[in-house]
């Protein structure tokens, strides 16, 4: 549900109020940039796509009907921009599963409770191989894992963004997780998948 001040801000921005739009941009810029960065793996591309997404928001804001959360509509625009970009580039960039929140605290990283140097080296290798496995997934599977894990969205929110049923979201996530597991096995690192898969309740709200 959109809060009252945000709803008023959206309506003002839709009528051409630049300051109201700037408030929306400041509120959501970090989240959208993180989404773009995790889907493209490149800071410059992420910055360009974030700008492109907000430009589309500015041009199409008048068409927003408040039948879904504004954030849902925004995520849909941004993730579609990323998908179009990745398809046009025909590349598989490295995707990091770490993200910084507003307090610059790292989340979604493999748990590291004061490891020894040997343990730290192993964990670093696992993370690198996990990133490589993500890189090997197709764009749609990377998208749905990013929305679920990086942006911490619920099944309902993802269903709204992708315009599919919740059951479809769950089945697609299941296939994406299974393909991620296979890719990790292909590169000989079952441990990285196990570590990331069982993080729920520790570093993230959702499993991979």
Protein backbone atom coordinates (compact mmCIF):
# COMPACT_ATOMS: atom_id res chain seq x y z
CA UNK A 1 0.00 0.00 0.00
CA UNK A 2 1.35 3.41 -0.96
CA UNK A 3 1.71 5.80 1.95
CA UNK A 4 -0.17 9.09 1.69
CA UNK A 5 2.85 11.37 1.28
CA UNK A 6 4.27 9.14 -1.45
CA UNK A 7 0.94 9.06 -3.25
CA UNK A 8 0.76 12.84 -3.22
CA UNK A 9 4.35 13.01 -4.38
CA UNK A 10 3.62 10.68 -7.30
CA UNK A 11 0.60 12.71 -8.35
CA UNK A 12 2.62 15.94 -8.26
CA UNK A 13 5.47 14.37 -10.23
CA UNK A 14 3.00 13.04 -12.80
CA UNK A 15 1.89 16.63 -13.39
CA UNK A 16 5.46 17.71 -14.05
CA UNK A 17 6.64 18.70 -10.58
CA UNK A 18 10.40 18.12 -10.83
CA UNK A 19 11.02 18.49 -7.09
CA UNK A 20 8.42 15.80 -6.33
CA UNK A 21 10.03 13.48 -8.86
CA UNK A 22 13.44 14.17 -7.33
CA UNK A 23 12.07 13.06 -3.96
CA UNK A 24 10.95 9.76 -5.51
CA UNK A 25 14.31 9.36 -7.20
CA UNK A 26 16.20 9.91 -3.96
CA UNK A 27 13.93 7.45 -2.15
CA UNK A 28 14.38 4.60 -4.64
CA UNK A 29 17.65 5.29 -6.42
CA UNK A 30 19.78 3.03 -4.21
CA UNK A 31 17.42 0.06 -4.50
CA UNK A 32 17.15 0.35 -8.27
CA UNK A 33 20.89 0.79 -8.70
CA UNK A 34 21.51 -2.35 -6.61
CA UNK A 35 19.05 -4.28 -8.78
CA UNK A 36 20.75 -3.12 -11.97
CA UNK A 37 24.22 -3.79 -10.60
CA UNK A 38 23.38 -7.34 -9.58
CA UNK A 39 21.79 -8.10 -12.93
CA UNK A 40 24.55 -6.60 -15.08
CA UNK A 41 27.60 -6.96 -12.85
CA UNK A 42 29.01 -3.67 -14.14
CA UNK A 43 28.81 -0.35 -12.22
CA UNK A 44 28.81 1.78 -15.37
CA UNK A 45 26.05 -0.27 -16.99
CA UNK A 46 24.11 -0.24 -13.73
CA UNK A 47 24.34 3.56 -13.54
CA UNK A 48 23.18 3.92 -17.15
CA UNK A 49 20.29 1.51 -16.68
CA UNK A 50 19.24 3.19 -13.44
CA UNK A 51 19.10 6.49 -15.29
CA UNK A 52 17.18 4.85 -18.14
CA UNK A 53 14.68 3.33 -15.71
CA UNK A 54 13.98 6.62 -13.98
CA UNK A 55 13.69 8.38 -17.34
CA UNK A 56 10.99 5.87 -18.27
CA UNK A 57 9.31 6.51 -14.93
CA UNK A 58 9.31 10.25 -15.62
CA UNK A 59 7.85 9.76 -19.10
CA UNK A 60 5.22 7.23 -18.02
CA UNK A 61 4.34 8.33 -14.49
CA UNK A 62 1.03 9.78 -15.63
CA UNK A 63 -0.05 6.27 -16.66
CA UNK A 64 0.55 4.83 -13.17
CA UNK A 65 -2.90 3.95 -11.81
CA UNK A 66 -2.04 2.99 -8.20
CA UNK A 67 -3.38 -0.54 -8.77
CA UNK A 68 -0.08 -1.87 -7.41
CA UNK A 69 2.68 -0.55 -5.20
CA UNK A 70 4.79 2.14 -6.84
CA UNK A 71 7.91 0.15 -5.94
CA UNK A 72 6.49 -2.87 -7.80
CA UNK A 73 5.93 -0.80 -10.91
CA UNK A 74 9.41 0.69 -10.59
CA UNK A 75 11.09 -2.71 -10.13
CA UNK A 76 9.25 -3.99 -13.21
CA UNK A 77 10.50 -1.12 -15.35
CA UNK A 78 14.06 -1.43 -14.08
CA UNK A 79 14.31 -5.21 -14.35
CA UNK A 80 12.89 -5.09 -17.89
CA UNK A 81 15.50 -2.48 -18.81
CA UNK A 82 18.17 -4.85 -17.53
CA UNK A 83 16.75 -7.83 -19.40
CA UNK A 84 16.62 -5.88 -22.66
CA UNK A 85 20.19 -4.74 -22.12
CA UNK A 86 21.52 -8.22 -21.35
CA UNK A 87 19.75 -9.73 -24.34
CA UNK A 88 21.14 -7.05 -26.63
CA UNK A 89 24.67 -7.47 -25.30
CA UNK A 90 24.57 -11.27 -25.39
CA UNK A 91 26.89 -11.54 -22.44
CA UNK A 92 26.96 -13.20 -19.06
CA UNK A 93 28.52 -10.75 -16.58
CA UNK A 94 29.68 -11.66 -13.14
CA UNK A 95 26.95 -11.07 -10.59
CA UNK A 96 27.72 -10.33 -6.97
CA UNK A 97 25.30 -11.52 -4.33
CA UNK A 98 26.45 -8.91 -1.85
CA UNK A 99 24.61 -5.64 -1.47
CA UNK A 100 24.99 -2.66 0.82
CA UNK A 101 22.06 -1.21 2.66
CA UNK A 102 21.66 2.42 3.64
CA UNK A 103 23.93 1.94 6.66
CA UNK A 104 26.64 0.45 4.43
CA UNK A 105 26.26 -2.90 6.15
CA UNK A 106 26.87 -5.90 3.94
CA UNK A 107 24.06 -8.39 3.70
CA UNK A 108 23.58 -11.58 1.73
CA UNK A 109 27.22 -12.49 2.10
CA UNK A 110 28.34 -15.98 3.06
CA UNK A 111 28.44 -16.04 6.89
CA UNK A 112 31.89 -15.34 8.23
CA UNK A 113 32.14 -15.60 12.02
CA UNK A 114 35.78 -14.61 12.53
CA UNK A 115 37.25 -17.29 10.27
CA UNK A 116 40.83 -18.43 10.35
CA UNK A 117 42.97 -17.45 7.33
CA UNK A 118 42.43 -20.94 5.88
CA UNK A 119 38.66 -20.72 6.36
CA UNK A 120 38.62 -17.23 4.89
CA UNK A 121 40.45 -18.45 1.78
CA UNK A 122 37.97 -21.30 1.35
CA UNK A 123 34.99 -18.98 1.77
CA UNK A 124 36.41 -16.52 -0.75
CA UNK A 125 36.83 -19.31 -3.27
CA UNK A 126 33.26 -20.45 -2.64
CA UNK A 127 31.93 -16.93 -3.20
CA UNK A 128 33.88 -16.56 -6.42
CA UNK A 129 32.52 -19.85 -7.71
CA UNK A 130 29.01 -18.89 -6.64
CA UNK A 131 29.34 -15.67 -8.65
CA UNK A 132 30.60 -17.69 -11.62
CA UNK A 133 27.61 -20.04 -11.38
CA UNK A 134 25.22 -17.08 -11.32
CA UNK A 135 26.97 -15.73 -14.38
CA UNK A 136 26.16 -18.98 -16.19
CA UNK A 137 22.40 -18.68 -15.65
CA UNK A 138 20.14 -17.15 -18.27
CA UNK A 139 18.81 -13.63 -17.83
CA UNK A 140 15.36 -14.63 -16.56
CA UNK A 141 16.72 -16.93 -13.87
CA UNK A 142 19.23 -14.32 -12.78
CA UNK A 143 16.40 -11.80 -12.66
CA UNK A 144 14.14 -13.85 -10.42
CA UNK A 145 16.98 -14.80 -8.06
CA UNK A 146 18.01 -11.14 -7.88
CA UNK A 147 14.49 -10.00 -7.05
CA UNK A 148 14.10 -12.69 -4.39
CA UNK A 149 17.55 -12.60 -2.81
CA UNK A 150 19.11 -9.20 -3.48
CA UNK A 151 15.95 -7.10 -3.24
CA UNK A 152 14.37 -9.36 -0.59
CA UNK A 153 10.95 -9.33 -2.27
CA UNK A 154 8.09 -11.65 -1.39
CA UNK A 155 6.54 -14.13 -3.82
CA UNK A 156 3.55 -11.81 -4.12
CA UNK A 157 5.70 -8.80 -4.99
CA UNK A 158 7.68 -10.77 -7.57
CA UNK A 159 4.46 -12.10 -9.07
CA UNK A 160 3.22 -8.53 -9.47
CA UNK A 161 6.48 -7.41 -11.04
CA UNK A 162 6.64 -10.30 -13.51
CA UNK A 163 2.85 -10.36 -13.98
CA UNK A 164 2.57 -14.07 -13.28
CA UNK A 165 0.94 -16.16 -10.57
CA UNK A 166 2.69 -16.86 -7.27
CA UNK A 167 2.82 -20.54 -8.15
CA UNK A 168 4.71 -19.65 -11.30
CA UNK A 169 7.17 -17.59 -9.27
CA UNK A 170 7.80 -20.51 -6.93
CA UNK A 171 8.31 -22.97 -9.79
CA UNK A 172 10.66 -20.58 -11.62
CA UNK A 173 12.64 -20.00 -8.44
CA UNK A 174 12.84 -23.74 -7.90
CA UNK A 175 14.22 -24.25 -11.42
CA UNK A 176 16.63 -21.35 -10.99
CA UNK A 177 17.94 -22.76 -7.70
CA UNK A 178 18.28 -26.20 -9.25
CA UNK A 179 20.16 -24.82 -12.25
CA UNK A 180 22.39 -22.84 -9.91
CA UNK A 181 23.12 -26.04 -8.01
CA UNK A 182 23.99 -27.83 -11.26
CA UNK A 183 26.30 -25.03 -12.36
CA UNK A 184 28.08 -25.14 -9.01
CA UNK A 185 28.47 -28.89 -9.31
CA UNK A 186 29.89 -28.41 -12.81
CA UNK A 187 32.60 -26.17 -11.42
CA UNK A 188 33.19 -28.50 -8.50
CA UNK A 189 31.83 -26.43 -5.65
CA UNK A 190 28.83 -27.97 -4.01
CA UNK A 191 29.84 -26.30 -0.75
CA UNK A 192 29.19 -22.77 -1.99
CA UNK A 193 25.65 -23.68 -2.92
CA UNK A 194 25.04 -25.34 0.43
CA UNK A 195 26.36 -22.31 2.28
CA UNK A 196 24.23 -19.86 0.35
CA UNK A 197 21.16 -22.07 0.25
CA UNK A 198 20.98 -22.44 4.03
CA UNK A 199 21.52 -18.79 4.96
CA UNK A 200 17.87 -18.07 5.70
CA UNK A 201 17.46 -16.59 9.15
CA UNK A 202 21.14 -15.61 9.30
CA UNK A 203 22.14 -12.98 6.73
CA UNK A 204 18.99 -12.83 4.59
CA UNK A 205 15.26 -13.29 4.93
CA UNK A 206 15.09 -15.58 1.91
CA UNK A 207 17.01 -18.53 0.63
CA UNK A 208 18.53 -18.61 -2.83
